[in-house]
Amino acid sequence: MKLQVKFFEELTTRELYEIVRSRTEIFLLEQHIICQDFDRVDYEALHCFLEEDGKVLAYLRAFTAGEGIAKVGRVLSITHNQGHGTILMTGALPHIREKLGAHRIVVHAQKKAQGFYDKLGFAVTSPDYLEEGIPHVTMEKDI
């Protein structure tokens, strides 16, 4: 298993295909989220993913959302409860700080994932709200 950290232009077509495949598997097929996944944010994002045998096991994207602030989104893990999300997030944070110049991370976390982010040191900074029909909270962490 290898952590990959690349800007859009650095992704191979195979990596991009596997990223899109993983995002579709989790957000569309598993969670039944119907939305426009291709929102052009990918062009400016830093794509961080765990790859094994050419497959994306866990993924996130990060992009600048203000001076010293990065927003992390599209966070997923194909293999649940195996620690891949934690490995990805802890491995990605130093790269996000270095490559995006971020000192703070913001994530719109699904409520069911709040405990995951709590363990990583994120704090809730908003009341509950719905995003794509799913309960979320905004969480932040200084890095």
Protein backbone atom coordinates (compact mmCIF):
# COMPACT_ATOMS: atom_id res chain seq x y z
CA MET A 1 0.00 0.00 0.00
CA LYS A 2 1.43 3.35 -1.04
CA LEU A 3 0.36 6.93 -0.34
CA GLN A 4 0.15 8.98 -3.53
CA VAL A 5 -0.08 12.78 -3.42
CA LYS A 6 -0.54 14.52 -6.76
CA PHE A 7 -2.01 17.58 -8.35
CA PHE A 8 -4.49 16.94 -11.16
CA GLU A 9 -1.94 17.37 -13.95
CA GLU A 10 0.32 14.76 -12.35
CA LEU A 11 -2.32 12.02 -12.26
CA THR A 12 -2.06 9.28 -14.83
CA THR A 13 -5.22 8.37 -16.73
CA ARG A 14 -5.27 5.06 -14.85
CA GLU A 15 -5.06 6.82 -11.46
CA LEU A 16 -7.82 9.26 -12.45
CA TYR A 17 -10.00 6.36 -13.60
CA GLU A 18 -9.49 4.50 -10.31
CA ILE A 19 -10.20 7.66 -8.28
CA VAL A 20 -13.47 8.25 -10.15
CA ARG A 21 -14.34 4.57 -9.84
CA SER A 22 -13.82 4.68 -6.05
CA ARG A 23 -15.78 7.90 -5.64
CA THR A 24 -18.65 6.41 -7.65
CA GLU A 25 -18.58 3.17 -5.65
CA ILE A 26 -18.84 4.95 -2.30
CA PHE A 27 -20.90 8.06 -2.95
CA LEU A 28 -23.28 6.83 -5.65
CA LEU A 29 -23.60 3.07 -5.17
CA GLU A 30 -23.09 2.75 -1.40
CA GLN A 31 -24.48 6.05 -0.10
CA HIS A 32 -26.93 6.80 -2.94
CA ILE A 33 -25.78 10.41 -3.27
CA ILE A 34 -27.02 11.86 -6.53
CA CYS A 35 -24.99 14.96 -7.33
CA GLN A 36 -22.57 16.33 -9.90
CA ASP A 37 -19.28 14.78 -8.79
CA PHE A 38 -17.37 16.49 -11.60
CA ASP A 39 -17.44 20.02 -10.21
CA ARG A 40 -14.15 21.31 -11.69
CA VAL A 41 -12.61 21.53 -8.20
CA ASP A 42 -10.49 18.51 -9.13
CA TYR A 43 -8.43 20.68 -11.50
CA GLU A 44 -7.10 22.76 -8.59
CA ALA A 45 -7.09 20.04 -5.93
CA LEU A 46 -4.34 18.01 -4.37
CA HIS A 47 -5.39 14.38 -4.72
CA CYS A 48 -4.23 12.07 -1.92
CA PHE A 49 -4.89 8.35 -2.11
CA LEU A 50 -3.78 4.97 -0.87
CA GLU A 51 -3.05 2.71 -3.78
CA GLU A 52 -2.49 -1.03 -3.82
CA ASP A 53 -2.15 -3.17 -6.95
CA GLY A 54 -3.38 -0.25 -9.06
CA LYS A 55 -6.57 0.20 -7.04
CA VAL A 56 -7.52 3.19 -4.90
CA LEU A 57 -8.34 1.97 -1.38
CA ALA A 58 -8.84 5.38 0.23
CA TYR A 59 -9.01 8.88 -1.20
CA LEU A 60 -9.40 12.56 -0.41
CA ARG A 61 -8.93 15.81 -2.21
CA ALA A 62 -7.77 19.09 -0.70
CA PHE A 63 -7.91 22.59 -2.12
CA THR A 64 -7.26 26.13 -1.00
CA ALA A 65 -10.30 27.74 0.62
CA GLY A 66 -8.78 30.99 1.86
CA GLU A 67 -5.51 32.30 3.19
CA GLY A 68 -3.83 29.40 5.00
CA ILE A 69 -7.00 27.29 4.87
CA ALA A 70 -7.52 24.05 2.96
CA LYS A 71 -10.81 22.28 2.53
CA VAL A 72 -10.70 18.50 2.47
CA GLY A 73 -13.48 16.64 0.75
CA ARG A 74 -14.55 13.51 -1.10
CA VAL A 75 -13.00 11.53 1.76
CA LEU A 76 -13.60 7.81 1.32
CA SER A 77 -12.32 4.36 2.12
CA ILE A 78 -13.31 1.36 0.03
CA THR A 79 -12.36 -1.03 2.84
CA HIS A 80 -14.21 -0.06 6.00
CA ASN A 81 -12.81 -0.51 9.52
CA GLN A 82 -9.32 -1.47 8.38
CA GLY A 83 -7.58 1.80 9.31
CA HIS A 84 -7.03 2.97 5.75
CA GLY A 85 -8.85 6.27 6.35
CA THR A 86 -6.62 7.07 9.31
CA ILE A 87 -3.46 6.12 7.39
CA LEU A 88 -4.57 8.30 4.49
CA MET A 89 -5.53 11.33 6.59
CA THR A 90 -2.43 11.30 8.82
CA GLY A 91 -0.21 10.79 5.78
CA ALA A 92 -1.92 13.50 3.73
CA LEU A 93 -1.94 16.32 6.31
CA PRO A 94 1.79 17.17 6.07
CA HIS A 95 1.53 17.27 2.26
CA ILE A 96 -1.53 19.53 2.44
CA ARG A 97 0.35 21.88 4.78
CA GLU A 98 3.44 21.92 2.54
CA LYS A 99 1.91 21.95 -0.95
CA LEU A 100 -1.10 24.19 -0.25
CA GLY A 101 0.43 26.36 2.47
CA ALA A 102 -2.40 25.45 4.80
CA HIS A 103 -2.35 25.94 8.55
CA ARG A 104 -5.98 24.95 9.06
CA ILE A 105 -8.06 22.13 7.57
CA VAL A 106 -11.84 22.37 7.17
CA VAL A 107 -14.01 19.37 6.37
CA HIS A 108 -17.78 18.99 5.94
CA ALA A 109 -18.02 15.68 7.77
CA GLN A 110 -20.91 13.30 7.56
CA LYS A 111 -22.31 12.94 11.08
CA LYS A 112 -21.67 9.20 11.02
CA ALA A 113 -17.96 9.96 10.46
CA GLN A 114 -17.67 12.55 13.23
CA GLY A 115 -15.99 10.07 15.59
CA PHE A 116 -13.35 9.34 12.95
CA TYR A 117 -12.47 13.04 12.69
CA ASP A 118 -12.65 13.49 16.49
CA LYS A 119 -9.90 10.87 16.88
CA LEU A 120 -7.75 12.81 14.40
CA GLY A 121 -8.06 16.02 16.43
CA PHE A 122 -10.77 17.80 14.45
CA ALA A 123 -13.33 19.89 16.35
CA VAL A 124 -16.94 20.61 15.40
CA THR A 125 -17.44 24.26 14.41
CA SER A 126 -21.05 24.27 13.20
CA PRO A 127 -24.49 22.99 14.06
CA ASP A 128 -25.79 19.98 12.14
CA TYR A 129 -26.93 20.60 8.56
CA LEU A 130 -27.97 18.59 5.53
CA GLU A 131 -25.73 18.26 2.52
CA GLU A 132 -27.07 16.14 -0.35
CA GLY A 133 -29.72 14.91 2.12
CA ILE A 134 -27.12 13.56 4.59
CA PRO A 135 -26.53 15.06 8.07
CA HIS A 136 -23.16 16.85 8.27
CA VAL A 137 -21.15 19.10 10.58
CA THR A 138 -18.24 21.34 9.75
CA MET A 139 -15.06 20.32 11.54
CA GLU A 140 -11.67 22.04 11.70
CA LYS A 141 -8.14 21.28 12.74
CA ASP A 142 -4.95 23.33 12.90
CA ILE A 143 -1.96 21.69 11.24
